[in-house]
Amino acid sequence: MDARTSFPPPQFPLRLHDMLDNAEVEGYQHIVCWLPEGNGFHIHDPDAMLPILQKCGFNQSKWKSFLRQLQNY
C-alpha cells in the first residue's frame, strides 16, 4: 500500500461525539449525556439507548454490540 494513501476517519467515535453533543437539543440528555467536566459521558438509561443509537446512525441493533465497539476506544 502506498504510504500517501489516507484512510477515512472511523465513524463510530464521530457519531458518538455528535450524539452526545446533540443530547440536550434532541431531548435525550436524561438517557445519555456528557459528564460536567466534559471528559466522559454517562448512560443513565441503557434500555432506552437502542432507539437513540439507531436514530444517530449507529449500525448496532443490540446493546452488547454497542458496548463491544465502545470498548475499542
C-alpha atoms as a PDB file:
ATOM      1  CA  MET A   1       0.000   0.000   0.000  1.00  0.00           C
ATOM      2  CA  ASP A   2       1.226   3.466  -0.847  1.00  0.00           C
ATOM      3  CA  ALA A   3       2.387   5.493   2.185  1.00  0.00           C
ATOM      4  CA  ARG A   4       0.466   8.518   0.896  1.00  0.00           C
ATOM      5  CA  THR A   5      -2.856   6.699   0.994  1.00  0.00           C
ATOM      6  CA  SER A   6      -5.071   8.089   3.701  1.00  0.00           C
ATOM      7  CA  PHE A   7      -7.868   6.229   5.382  1.00  0.00           C
ATOM      8  CA  PRO A   8     -11.183   7.828   6.265  1.00  0.00           C
ATOM      9  CA  PRO A   9     -11.627   8.521   9.974  1.00  0.00           C
ATOM     10  CA  PRO A  10     -13.525   5.856  11.919  1.00  0.00           C
ATOM     11  CA  GLN A  11     -17.216   6.736  12.060  1.00  0.00           C
ATOM     12  CA  PHE A  12     -18.005   5.292  15.495  1.00  0.00           C
ATOM     13  CA  PRO A  13     -16.248   7.950  17.620  1.00  0.00           C
ATOM     14  CA  LEU A  14     -17.504  10.744  15.367  1.00  0.00           C
ATOM     15  CA  ARG A  15     -21.111   9.572  15.650  1.00  0.00           C
ATOM     16  CA  LEU A  16     -20.753   9.087  19.396  1.00  0.00           C
ATOM     17  CA  HIS A  17     -19.420  12.630  19.826  1.00  0.00           C
ATOM     18  CA  ASP A  18     -22.219  14.072  17.687  1.00  0.00           C
ATOM     19  CA  MET A  19     -24.831  12.086  19.613  1.00  0.00           C
ATOM     20  CA  LEU A  20     -23.517  13.398  22.931  1.00  0.00           C
ATOM     21  CA  ASP A  21     -23.242  16.969  21.666  1.00  0.00           C
ATOM     22  CA  ASN A  22     -26.858  16.854  20.460  1.00  0.00           C
ATOM     23  CA  ALA A  23     -28.353  15.124  23.517  1.00  0.00           C
ATOM     24  CA  GLU A  24     -29.781  18.274  25.077  1.00  0.00           C
ATOM     25  CA  VAL A  25     -31.080  19.737  21.812  1.00  0.00           C
ATOM     26  CA  GLU A  26     -32.672  16.427  20.777  1.00  0.00           C
ATOM     27  CA  GLY A  27     -34.150  15.852  24.239  1.00  0.00           C
ATOM     28  CA  TYR A  28     -32.413  12.678  25.338  1.00  0.00           C
ATOM     29  CA  GLN A  29     -29.966  14.095  27.885  1.00  0.00           C
ATOM     30  CA  HIS A  30     -31.882  12.134  30.548  1.00  0.00           C
ATOM     31  CA  ILE A  31     -30.716   8.950  28.768  1.00  0.00           C
ATOM     32  CA  VAL A  32     -27.117   9.835  27.845  1.00  0.00           C
ATOM     33  CA  CYS A  33     -25.039  12.980  28.349  1.00  0.00           C
ATOM     34  CA  TRP A  34     -21.567  14.397  28.784  1.00  0.00           C
ATOM     35  CA  LEU A  35     -20.171  14.467  32.317  1.00  0.00           C
ATOM     36  CA  PRO A  36     -19.965  18.015  33.770  1.00  0.00           C
ATOM     37  CA  GLU A  37     -16.193  18.069  33.242  1.00  0.00           C
ATOM     38  CA  GLY A  38     -16.656  17.116  29.586  1.00  0.00           C
ATOM     39  CA  ASN A  39     -14.073  14.350  29.768  1.00  0.00           C
ATOM     40  CA  GLY A  40     -16.501  11.439  29.609  1.00  0.00           C
ATOM     41  CA  PHE A  41     -20.156  10.581  29.351  1.00  0.00           C
ATOM     42  CA  HIS A  42     -22.800   8.803  31.372  1.00  0.00           C
ATOM     43  CA  ILE A  43     -25.527   6.480  30.152  1.00  0.00           C
ATOM     44  CA  HIS A  44     -28.434   6.949  32.551  1.00  0.00           C
ATOM     45  CA  ASP A  45     -30.849   4.508  30.900  1.00  0.00           C
ATOM     46  CA  PRO A  46     -29.197   1.712  28.869  1.00  0.00           C
ATOM     47  CA  ASP A  47     -32.581   0.207  27.958  1.00  0.00           C
ATOM     48  CA  ALA A  48     -33.600   3.424  26.194  1.00  0.00           C
ATOM     49  CA  MET A  49     -30.315   3.748  24.262  1.00  0.00           C
ATOM     50  CA  LEU A  50     -31.011   1.467  21.266  1.00  0.00           C
ATOM     51  CA  PRO A  51     -33.582   3.723  19.575  1.00  0.00           C
ATOM     52  CA  ILE A  52     -31.239   6.695  20.045  1.00  0.00           C
ATOM     53  CA  LEU A  53     -28.277   4.774  18.641  1.00  0.00           C
ATOM     54  CA  GLN A  54     -30.253   3.792  15.582  1.00  0.00           C
ATOM     55  CA  LYS A  55     -31.552   7.342  15.140  1.00  0.00           C
ATOM     56  CA  CYS A  56     -27.971   8.647  15.281  1.00  0.00           C
ATOM     57  CA  GLY A  57     -26.741   6.321  12.546  1.00  0.00           C
ATOM     58  CA  PHE A  58     -25.120   3.540  14.546  1.00  0.00           C
ATOM     59  CA  ASN A  59     -25.369   0.131  12.914  1.00  0.00           C
ATOM     60  CA  GLN A  60     -25.831  -1.737  16.180  1.00  0.00           C
ATOM     61  CA  SER A  61     -29.152  -3.393  16.860  1.00  0.00           C
ATOM     62  CA  LYS A  62     -28.040  -4.901  20.157  1.00  0.00           C
ATOM     63  CA  TRP A  63     -26.766  -3.214  23.302  1.00  0.00           C
ATOM     64  CA  LYS A  64     -23.841  -5.656  23.645  1.00  0.00           C
ATOM     65  CA  SER A  65     -22.662  -4.819  20.112  1.00  0.00           C
ATOM     66  CA  PHE A  66     -22.534  -1.131  21.003  1.00  0.00           C
ATOM     67  CA  LEU A  67     -20.612  -1.851  24.218  1.00  0.00           C
ATOM     68  CA  ARG A  68     -18.146  -4.085  22.385  1.00  0.00           C
ATOM     69  CA  GLN A  69     -17.432  -1.360  19.857  1.00  0.00           C
ATOM     70  CA  LEU A  70     -17.211   1.265  22.592  1.00  0.00           C
ATOM     71  CA  GLN A  71     -14.569  -0.787  24.406  1.00  0.00           C
ATOM     72  CA  ASN A  72     -12.315  -0.478  21.338  1.00  0.00           C
ATOM     73  CA  TYR A  73     -11.979   3.227  22.107  1.00  0.00           C
END
